[in-house]
Amino acid sequence: MNPVKIVAMVLIVAGILGLLYGGFSYTKDTTAVKLGPIELSVKEKQTVNVPVWAGVGAIVVGALLLVLGGKKG
C-alpha cells in the first residue's frame, strides 16, 4: 500500500466519524489561583464541533485520492 492510499483511507474514516459523532470533547486543566505553595486548579470540559461540510469534504477528498492516487501521469 502506498502512502497516498493510507492518507485517503484515514480521511474517509475521519469524515465518517465526524458525521456520526458531530464533534468531540476533552478536559483541560487550568490554574485558577496560585498563592505561594497553595494552588487551585480547575478542570474545564471543552467541546469541539465538527461541521457537516468538513466531514463530507474529508470523505470526498479521501475518495478522490483513493481513485486518482494510484494512477501515474
C-alpha atoms as a PDB file:
ATOM      1  CA  MET A   1       0.000   0.000   0.000  1.00  0.00           C
ATOM      2  CA  ASN A   2       1.371   3.386  -0.903  1.00  0.00           C
ATOM      3  CA  PRO A   3       1.147   6.429   1.405  1.00  0.00           C
ATOM      4  CA  VAL A   4      -1.492   8.165  -0.736  1.00  0.00           C
ATOM      5  CA  LYS A   5      -3.941   5.306  -0.241  1.00  0.00           C
ATOM      6  CA  ILE A   6      -3.292   5.287   3.508  1.00  0.00           C
ATOM      7  CA  VAL A   7      -3.972   9.046   3.732  1.00  0.00           C
ATOM      8  CA  ALA A   8      -7.114   8.562   1.625  1.00  0.00           C
ATOM      9  CA  MET A   9      -8.428   5.865   3.962  1.00  0.00           C
ATOM     10  CA  VAL A  10      -7.650   7.960   7.039  1.00  0.00           C
ATOM     11  CA  LEU A  11      -9.552  10.906   5.525  1.00  0.00           C
ATOM     12  CA  ILE A  12     -12.550   8.727   4.707  1.00  0.00           C
ATOM     13  CA  VAL A  13     -12.664   7.209   8.199  1.00  0.00           C
ATOM     14  CA  ALA A  14     -12.215  10.639   9.833  1.00  0.00           C
ATOM     15  CA  GLY A  15     -15.018  12.067   7.682  1.00  0.00           C
ATOM     16  CA  ILE A  16     -17.382   9.231   8.581  1.00  0.00           C
ATOM     17  CA  LEU A  17     -16.574   9.574  12.300  1.00  0.00           C
ATOM     18  CA  GLY A  18     -17.068  13.342  12.074  1.00  0.00           C
ATOM     19  CA  LEU A  19     -20.510  12.845  10.550  1.00  0.00           C
ATOM     20  CA  LEU A  20     -21.535  10.154  13.030  1.00  0.00           C
ATOM     21  CA  TYR A  21     -20.402  11.862  16.232  1.00  0.00           C
ATOM     22  CA  GLY A  22     -20.625  15.526  15.206  1.00  0.00           C
ATOM     23  CA  GLY A  23     -17.743  16.524  17.464  1.00  0.00           C
ATOM     24  CA  PHE A  24     -15.585  15.559  20.396  1.00  0.00           C
ATOM     25  CA  SER A  25     -14.801  16.848  23.871  1.00  0.00           C
ATOM     26  CA  TYR A  26     -11.722  16.930  26.060  1.00  0.00           C
ATOM     27  CA  THR A  27     -10.807  18.063  29.577  1.00  0.00           C
ATOM     28  CA  LYS A  28      -8.410  20.956  30.080  1.00  0.00           C
ATOM     29  CA  ASP A  29      -6.642  21.635  33.392  1.00  0.00           C
ATOM     30  CA  THR A  30      -6.114  25.297  34.233  1.00  0.00           C
ATOM     31  CA  THR A  31      -4.650  27.015  37.280  1.00  0.00           C
ATOM     32  CA  ALA A  32      -7.240  29.356  38.778  1.00  0.00           C
ATOM     33  CA  VAL A  33      -5.361  30.733  41.805  1.00  0.00           C
ATOM     34  CA  LYS A  34      -1.765  30.373  42.956  1.00  0.00           C
ATOM     35  CA  LEU A  35      -0.926  31.746  46.403  1.00  0.00           C
ATOM     36  CA  GLY A  36       2.542  30.646  47.419  1.00  0.00           C
ATOM     37  CA  PRO A  37       2.555  26.883  47.951  1.00  0.00           C
ATOM     38  CA  ILE A  38      -1.252  26.663  47.604  1.00  0.00           C
ATOM     39  CA  GLU A  39      -2.538  26.186  44.083  1.00  0.00           C
ATOM     40  CA  LEU A  40      -6.156  25.854  42.956  1.00  0.00           C
ATOM     41  CA  SER A  41      -6.726  24.131  39.643  1.00  0.00           C
ATOM     42  CA  VAL A  42      -9.927  23.847  37.662  1.00  0.00           C
ATOM     43  CA  LYS A  43     -10.867  21.190  35.122  1.00  0.00           C
ATOM     44  CA  GLU A  44     -12.775  22.610  32.171  1.00  0.00           C
ATOM     45  CA  LYS A  45     -14.603  20.451  29.657  1.00  0.00           C
ATOM     46  CA  GLN A  46     -14.093  21.797  26.132  1.00  0.00           C
ATOM     47  CA  THR A  47     -16.269  20.698  23.201  1.00  0.00           C
ATOM     48  CA  VAL A  48     -15.223  20.919  19.558  1.00  0.00           C
ATOM     49  CA  ASN A  49     -17.981  20.597  16.958  1.00  0.00           C
ATOM     50  CA  VAL A  50     -17.091  19.165  13.556  1.00  0.00           C
ATOM     51  CA  PRO A  51     -19.133  20.852  10.809  1.00  0.00           C
ATOM     52  CA  VAL A  52     -21.038  18.629   8.387  1.00  0.00           C
ATOM     53  CA  TRP A  53     -19.255  20.197   5.410  1.00  0.00           C
ATOM     54  CA  ALA A  54     -15.876  19.217   6.896  1.00  0.00           C
ATOM     55  CA  GLY A  55     -16.941  15.577   7.279  1.00  0.00           C
ATOM     56  CA  VAL A  56     -18.362  15.410   3.767  1.00  0.00           C
ATOM     57  CA  GLY A  57     -15.306  17.209   2.377  1.00  0.00           C
ATOM     58  CA  ALA A  58     -12.940  14.739   4.042  1.00  0.00           C
ATOM     59  CA  ILE A  59     -14.879  11.819   2.558  1.00  0.00           C
ATOM     60  CA  VAL A  60     -14.875  13.367  -0.932  1.00  0.00           C
ATOM     61  CA  VAL A  61     -11.167  14.238  -0.843  1.00  0.00           C
ATOM     62  CA  GLY A  62     -10.321  10.787   0.516  1.00  0.00           C
ATOM     63  CA  ALA A  63     -12.366   9.093  -2.213  1.00  0.00           C
ATOM     64  CA  LEU A  64     -10.705  11.213  -4.903  1.00  0.00           C
ATOM     65  CA  LEU A  65      -7.261  10.370  -3.550  1.00  0.00           C
ATOM     66  CA  LEU A  66      -8.165   6.700  -3.423  1.00  0.00           C
ATOM     67  CA  VAL A  67      -9.417   6.679  -7.011  1.00  0.00           C
ATOM     68  CA  LEU A  68      -6.847   9.008  -8.567  1.00  0.00           C
ATOM     69  CA  GLY A  69      -3.904   8.304  -6.251  1.00  0.00           C
ATOM     70  CA  GLY A  70      -2.881   5.050  -7.880  1.00  0.00           C
ATOM     71  CA  LYS A  71      -2.792   6.401 -11.437  1.00  0.00           C
ATOM     72  CA  LYS A  72       0.520   7.515 -12.906  1.00  0.00           C
ATOM     73  CA  GLY A  73       0.947  10.500 -15.199  1.00  0.00           C
END
